[in-house]
Amino acid sequence: MRIGEAAAAAGTTARALRFYEQRGLLPPPERTASGQREYGPDEVARVRVIRDLLGLGLTVEDLRACADRLHLVTEDVSPRCGSAGAGGAPSGVVGRRLAALDSEIGRLVALRENLARRASGR
């Protein structure tokens, strides 16, 4: 299928497919004799996985770090993207993203508490 059809099947845009290809998340597709990109069901499935992982808070850079293993991810994201580390906590890309999110949550909670204190005059 052509890029527009593949993008529609994956729930995204042709521009996103080109972006994923440029960033190394999606391997360069086969080309027709006229140079148009040709995608198959495997590429569409990979784009769906990419979109799912991005929706979970991973970044394009996170996915680049494990782009060679994205084909392994099906429906069970955690065990495939980050193996269990000490104490059963995820390590690798997922562990780093969770740590970054925890840090940001802590920063935002402290910011909110500070603002609430000032607003109440304490």
N, C-alpha and C. Protein backbone atom coordinates (compact mmCIF):
# COMPACT_ATOMS: atom_id res chain seq x y z
N MET A 1 0.84 -1.18 0.00
CA MET A 1 0.00 0.00 0.00
C MET A 1 0.88 1.24 0.00
N ARG A 2 0.36 2.29 -0.56
CA ARG A 2 1.08 3.56 -0.63
C ARG A 2 1.07 4.25 0.72
N ILE A 3 1.84 5.32 0.85
CA ILE A 3 2.03 5.98 2.15
C ILE A 3 0.72 6.48 2.74
N GLY A 4 -0.15 7.07 1.94
CA GLY A 4 -1.42 7.57 2.46
C GLY A 4 -2.30 6.47 3.00
N GLU A 5 -2.33 5.35 2.30
CA GLU A 5 -3.13 4.20 2.75
C GLU A 5 -2.55 3.61 4.04
N ALA A 6 -1.23 3.50 4.09
CA ALA A 6 -0.58 2.96 5.28
C ALA A 6 -0.80 3.87 6.48
N ALA A 7 -0.69 5.17 6.25
CA ALA A 7 -0.90 6.13 7.34
C ALA A 7 -2.32 6.02 7.87
N ALA A 8 -3.28 5.95 6.97
CA ALA A 8 -4.69 5.82 7.40
C ALA A 8 -4.90 4.52 8.17
N ALA A 9 -4.31 3.43 7.70
CA ALA A 9 -4.45 2.14 8.37
C ALA A 9 -3.84 2.16 9.77
N ALA A 10 -2.79 2.96 9.95
CA ALA A 10 -2.11 3.05 11.25
C ALA A 10 -2.70 4.15 12.13
N GLY A 11 -3.61 4.94 11.59
CA GLY A 11 -4.23 6.00 12.37
C GLY A 11 -3.36 7.23 12.51
N THR A 12 -2.58 7.53 11.49
CA THR A 12 -1.69 8.68 11.55
C THR A 12 -1.65 9.35 10.18
N THR A 13 -0.62 10.13 9.95
CA THR A 13 -0.49 10.86 8.70
C THR A 13 0.73 10.39 7.92
N ALA A 14 0.74 10.69 6.64
CA ALA A 14 1.91 10.37 5.81
C ALA A 14 3.14 11.12 6.33
N ARG A 15 2.92 12.33 6.78
CA ARG A 15 4.03 13.13 7.33
C ARG A 15 4.67 12.42 8.53
N ALA A 16 3.83 11.82 9.40
CA ALA A 16 4.34 11.09 10.56
C ALA A 16 5.18 9.90 10.12
N LEU A 17 4.73 9.18 9.10
CA LEU A 17 5.49 8.03 8.61
C LEU A 17 6.86 8.47 8.11
N ARG A 18 6.91 9.56 7.37
CA ARG A 18 8.20 10.07 6.88
C ARG A 18 9.08 10.49 8.06
N PHE A 19 8.46 11.13 9.07
CA PHE A 19 9.19 11.55 10.27
C PHE A 19 9.78 10.33 10.99
N TYR A 20 8.98 9.28 11.19
CA TYR A 20 9.47 8.07 11.86
C TYR A 20 10.61 7.45 11.05
N GLU A 21 10.51 7.48 9.76
CA GLU A 21 11.58 6.95 8.91
C GLU A 21 12.85 7.79 9.06
N GLN A 22 12.72 9.11 9.04
CA GLN A 22 13.88 10.00 9.19
C GLN A 22 14.56 9.81 10.54
N ARG A 23 13.80 9.53 11.58
CA ARG A 23 14.35 9.38 12.93
C ARG A 23 14.83 7.96 13.21
N GLY A 24 14.69 7.06 12.25
CA GLY A 24 15.20 5.71 12.43
C GLY A 24 14.26 4.77 13.16
N LEU A 25 13.01 5.18 13.37
CA LEU A 25 12.05 4.31 14.04
C LEU A 25 11.39 3.34 13.06
N LEU A 26 11.33 3.74 11.83
CA LEU A 26 10.71 2.95 10.78
C LEU A 26 11.74 2.75 9.68
N PRO A 27 12.07 1.50 9.35
CA PRO A 27 13.07 1.28 8.30
C PRO A 27 12.59 1.86 6.97
N PRO A 28 13.52 2.26 6.12
CA PRO A 28 13.10 2.77 4.80
C PRO A 28 12.28 1.71 4.08
N PRO A 29 11.12 2.09 3.58
CA PRO A 29 10.25 1.11 2.92
C PRO A 29 10.74 0.78 1.51
N GLU A 30 10.18 -0.29 0.99
CA GLU A 30 10.42 -0.63 -0.41
C GLU A 30 9.89 0.51 -1.26
N ARG A 31 10.43 0.63 -2.46
CA ARG A 31 9.97 1.68 -3.38
C ARG A 31 9.46 1.05 -4.66
N THR A 32 8.46 1.69 -5.25
CA THR A 32 7.97 1.24 -6.54
C THR A 32 8.96 1.69 -7.61
N ALA A 33 8.74 1.26 -8.83
CA ALA A 33 9.61 1.67 -9.94
C ALA A 33 9.60 3.19 -10.11
N SER A 34 8.49 3.82 -9.74
CA SER A 34 8.41 5.28 -9.86
C SER A 34 8.91 6.00 -8.61
N GLY A 35 9.39 5.24 -7.61
CA GLY A 35 9.99 5.83 -6.41
C GLY A 35 9.04 6.04 -5.26
N GLN A 36 7.79 5.63 -5.39
CA GLN A 36 6.84 5.81 -4.30
C GLN A 36 7.06 4.75 -3.22
N ARG A 37 6.86 5.17 -1.97
CA ARG A 37 7.01 4.24 -0.85
C ARG A 37 5.90 3.19 -0.89
N GLU A 38 6.28 1.96 -0.55
CA GLU A 38 5.33 0.85 -0.46
C GLU A 38 5.41 0.25 0.93
N TYR A 39 4.27 0.17 1.61
CA TYR A 39 4.22 -0.36 2.96
C TYR A 39 3.38 -1.62 2.99
N GLY A 40 3.70 -2.48 3.93
CA GLY A 40 2.94 -3.70 4.14
C GLY A 40 2.36 -3.73 5.54
N PRO A 41 1.70 -4.83 5.89
CA PRO A 41 1.08 -4.93 7.21
C PRO A 41 2.08 -4.86 8.36
N ASP A 42 3.30 -5.34 8.15
CA ASP A 42 4.30 -5.28 9.23
C ASP A 42 4.67 -3.83 9.56
N GLU A 43 4.80 -3.01 8.54
CA GLU A 43 5.13 -1.59 8.77
C GLU A 43 3.97 -0.87 9.45
N VAL A 44 2.76 -1.18 9.05
CA VAL A 44 1.58 -0.57 9.68
C VAL A 44 1.53 -0.97 11.16
N ALA A 45 1.78 -2.23 11.45
CA ALA A 45 1.80 -2.69 12.84
C ALA A 45 2.89 -1.98 13.63
N ARG A 46 4.04 -1.79 13.04
CA ARG A 46 5.15 -1.11 13.71
C ARG A 46 4.77 0.34 14.03
N VAL A 47 4.12 1.01 13.09
CA VAL A 47 3.70 2.39 13.32
C VAL A 47 2.69 2.44 14.46
N ARG A 48 1.80 1.49 14.52
CA ARG A 48 0.84 1.44 15.63
C ARG A 48 1.56 1.28 16.97
N VAL A 49 2.58 0.43 17.01
CA VAL A 49 3.37 0.25 18.23
C VAL A 49 4.07 1.55 18.60
N ILE A 50 4.66 2.22 17.61
CA ILE A 50 5.34 3.49 17.85
C ILE A 50 4.36 4.49 18.45
N ARG A 51 3.20 4.60 17.86
CA ARG A 51 2.19 5.55 18.35
C ARG A 51 1.73 5.18 19.77
N ASP A 52 1.55 3.90 20.02
CA ASP A 52 1.16 3.46 21.37
C ASP A 52 2.22 3.83 22.40
N LEU A 53 3.48 3.58 22.08
CA LEU A 53 4.57 3.87 23.01
C LEU A 53 4.73 5.38 23.22
N LEU A 54 4.58 6.15 22.16
CA LEU A 54 4.63 7.61 22.31
C LEU A 54 3.47 8.08 23.18
N GLY A 55 2.31 7.46 23.03
CA GLY A 55 1.16 7.80 23.84
C GLY A 55 1.33 7.46 25.31
N LEU A 56 2.21 6.51 25.61
CA LEU A 56 2.49 6.14 26.99
C LEU A 56 3.52 7.06 27.65
N GLY A 57 4.03 8.02 26.89
CA GLY A 57 4.97 8.98 27.46
C GLY A 57 6.41 8.79 27.06
N LEU A 58 6.70 7.74 26.30
CA LEU A 58 8.07 7.60 25.79
C LEU A 58 8.29 8.65 24.72
N THR A 59 9.54 9.02 24.52
CA THR A 59 9.88 10.02 23.52
C THR A 59 10.43 9.35 22.27
N VAL A 60 10.55 10.11 21.22
CA VAL A 60 11.16 9.60 19.98
C VAL A 60 12.58 9.14 20.27
N GLU A 61 13.30 9.89 21.10
CA GLU A 61 14.67 9.50 21.45
C GLU A 61 14.68 8.19 22.24
N ASP A 62 13.72 8.02 23.14
CA ASP A 62 13.61 6.75 23.87
C ASP A 62 13.45 5.60 22.89
N LEU A 63 12.56 5.78 21.92
CA LEU A 63 12.29 4.72 20.96
C LEU A 63 13.47 4.48 20.03
N ARG A 64 14.22 5.53 19.73
CA ARG A 64 15.43 5.34 18.91
C ARG A 64 16.41 4.42 19.60
N ALA A 65 16.45 4.50 20.94
CA ALA A 65 17.39 3.67 21.71
C ALA A 65 17.07 2.19 21.59
N CYS A 66 15.83 1.86 21.29
CA CYS A 66 15.47 0.45 21.17
C CYS A 66 14.78 0.17 19.83
N ALA A 67 15.07 0.99 18.82
CA ALA A 67 14.41 0.85 17.51
C ALA A 67 14.64 -0.52 16.89
N ASP A 68 15.80 -1.11 17.16
CA ASP A 68 16.09 -2.42 16.57
C ASP A 68 15.25 -3.54 17.21
N ARG A 69 14.55 -3.22 18.31
CA ARG A 69 13.72 -4.23 18.98
C ARG A 69 12.23 -3.91 18.93
N LEU A 70 11.85 -2.85 18.25
CA LEU A 70 10.44 -2.48 18.21
C LEU A 70 9.58 -3.56 17.57
N HIS A 71 10.16 -4.33 16.68
CA HIS A 71 9.39 -5.40 16.04
C HIS A 71 8.98 -6.48 17.05
N LEU A 72 9.64 -6.53 18.20
CA LEU A 72 9.32 -7.53 19.22
C LEU A 72 8.10 -7.15 20.06
N VAL A 73 7.78 -5.86 20.06
CA VAL A 73 6.69 -5.38 20.90
C VAL A 73 5.37 -5.69 20.20
N THR A 74 4.51 -6.37 20.93
CA THR A 74 3.17 -6.62 20.38
C THR A 74 2.17 -5.90 21.28
N GLU A 75 1.59 -6.60 22.21
CA GLU A 75 0.62 -5.96 23.09
C GLU A 75 1.15 -5.81 24.50
N ASP A 76 2.23 -6.46 24.85
CA ASP A 76 2.75 -6.43 26.21
C ASP A 76 3.99 -5.55 26.24
N VAL A 77 3.81 -4.25 26.48
CA VAL A 77 4.87 -3.26 26.35
C VAL A 77 5.96 -3.41 27.40
N SER A 78 5.60 -3.54 28.68
CA SER A 78 6.58 -3.47 29.75
C SER A 78 7.70 -4.49 29.66
N PRO A 79 7.43 -5.79 29.53
CA PRO A 79 8.52 -6.74 29.52
C PRO A 79 9.43 -6.61 28.30
N ARG A 80 8.92 -6.06 27.22
CA ARG A 80 9.71 -6.01 25.99
C ARG A 80 10.60 -4.77 25.91
N CYS A 81 10.15 -3.65 26.48
CA CYS A 81 10.90 -2.40 26.36
C CYS A 81 11.85 -2.16 27.52
N GLY A 82 11.64 -2.82 28.60
CA GLY A 82 12.53 -2.64 29.74
C GLY A 82 12.48 -3.88 30.60
N SER A 83 13.58 -4.55 30.72
CA SER A 83 13.59 -5.76 31.55
C SER A 83 13.55 -5.36 33.01
N ALA A 84 13.16 -6.29 33.84
CA ALA A 84 13.07 -6.01 35.27
C ALA A 84 14.46 -5.84 35.86
N GLY A 85 14.61 -4.80 36.63
CA GLY A 85 15.88 -4.54 37.30
C GLY A 85 15.79 -4.99 38.74
N ALA A 86 16.57 -4.36 39.59
CA ALA A 86 16.57 -4.70 41.01
C ALA A 86 15.19 -4.47 41.61
N GLY A 87 14.72 -5.42 42.39
CA GLY A 87 13.43 -5.30 43.04
C GLY A 87 12.25 -5.41 42.09
N GLY A 88 12.48 -5.92 40.89
CA GLY A 88 11.40 -6.09 39.93
C GLY A 88 11.00 -4.81 39.20
N ALA A 89 11.68 -3.70 39.47
CA ALA A 89 11.36 -2.44 38.79
C ALA A 89 11.92 -2.46 37.37
N PRO A 90 11.20 -1.84 36.43
CA PRO A 90 11.70 -1.81 35.04
C PRO A 90 13.03 -1.08 34.94
N SER A 91 13.87 -1.55 34.06
CA SER A 91 15.14 -0.87 33.80
C SER A 91 15.16 -0.50 32.33
N GLY A 92 16.25 0.00 31.85
CA GLY A 92 16.36 0.36 30.45
C GLY A 92 15.52 1.58 30.12
N VAL A 93 15.01 1.62 28.90
CA VAL A 93 14.27 2.78 28.40
C VAL A 93 13.05 3.07 29.27
N VAL A 94 12.28 2.04 29.59
CA VAL A 94 11.07 2.24 30.39
C VAL A 94 11.43 2.72 31.79
N GLY A 95 12.44 2.13 32.39
CA GLY A 95 12.86 2.54 33.73
C GLY A 95 13.31 3.99 33.76
N ARG A 96 14.08 4.40 32.74
CA ARG A 96 14.54 5.79 32.68
C ARG A 96 13.37 6.74 32.49
N ARG A 97 12.40 6.37 31.65
CA ARG A 97 11.25 7.25 31.43
C ARG A 97 10.40 7.35 32.69
N LEU A 98 10.21 6.24 33.39
CA LEU A 98 9.46 6.26 34.65
C LEU A 98 10.15 7.16 35.67
N ALA A 99 11.46 7.06 35.76
CA ALA A 99 12.21 7.91 36.70
C ALA A 99 12.06 9.39 36.33
N ALA A 100 12.10 9.70 35.05
CA ALA A 100 11.93 11.08 34.61
C ALA A 100 10.52 11.58 34.94
N LEU A 101 9.53 10.73 34.73
CA LEU A 101 8.15 11.12 35.05
C LEU A 101 7.98 11.31 36.55
N ASP A 102 8.55 10.42 37.35
CA ASP A 102 8.47 10.56 38.81
C ASP A 102 9.11 11.86 39.27
N SER A 103 10.25 12.18 38.68
CA SER A 103 10.94 13.42 39.01
C SER A 103 10.09 14.63 38.66
N GLU A 104 9.49 14.61 37.48
CA GLU A 104 8.65 15.73 37.06
C GLU A 104 7.41 15.84 37.93
N ILE A 105 6.82 14.72 38.30
CA ILE A 105 5.66 14.74 39.20
C ILE A 105 6.05 15.36 40.55
N GLY A 106 7.20 14.96 41.07
CA GLY A 106 7.68 15.52 42.33
C GLY A 106 7.89 17.03 42.24
N ARG A 107 8.47 17.47 41.14
CA ARG A 107 8.69 18.90 40.92
C ARG A 107 7.36 19.65 40.85
N LEU A 108 6.40 19.09 40.14
CA LEU A 108 5.10 19.75 40.00
C LEU A 108 4.32 19.77 41.31
N VAL A 109 4.40 18.71 42.09
CA VAL A 109 3.74 18.68 43.40
C VAL A 109 4.33 19.76 44.30
N ALA A 110 5.64 19.87 44.33
CA ALA A 110 6.29 20.90 45.15
C ALA A 110 5.90 22.30 44.67
N LEU A 111 5.85 22.50 43.38
CA LEU A 111 5.45 23.78 42.81
C LEU A 111 4.01 24.12 43.20
N ARG A 112 3.12 23.14 43.11
CA ARG A 112 1.72 23.35 43.48
C ARG A 112 1.59 23.70 44.96
N GLU A 113 2.32 22.97 45.81
CA GLU A 113 2.25 23.24 47.25
C GLU A 113 2.75 24.64 47.55
N ASN A 114 3.82 25.06 46.92
CA ASN A 114 4.37 26.39 47.12
C ASN A 114 3.37 27.46 46.68
N LEU A 115 2.76 27.26 45.53
CA LEU A 115 1.77 28.21 45.03
C LEU A 115 0.56 28.26 45.94
N ALA A 116 0.09 27.11 46.40
CA ALA A 116 -1.07 27.07 47.30
C ALA A 116 -0.77 27.78 48.60
N ARG A 117 0.45 27.61 49.14
CA ARG A 117 0.85 28.31 50.37
C ARG A 117 0.82 29.81 50.17
N ARG A 118 1.38 30.26 49.06
CA ARG A 118 1.41 31.70 48.80
C ARG A 118 0.01 32.26 48.58
N ALA A 119 -0.82 31.50 47.89
CA ALA A 119 -2.19 31.96 47.62
C ALA A 119 -3.00 32.08 48.90
N SER A 120 -2.72 31.20 49.86
CA SER A 120 -3.47 31.23 51.12
C SER A 120 -2.83 32.17 52.15
N GLY A 121 -1.70 32.78 51.81
CA GLY A 121 -1.05 33.73 52.70
C GLY A 121 -0.25 33.11 53.81
N ARG A 122 0.07 31.84 53.73
CA ARG A 122 0.85 31.17 54.77
C ARG A 122 2.31 31.29 54.51
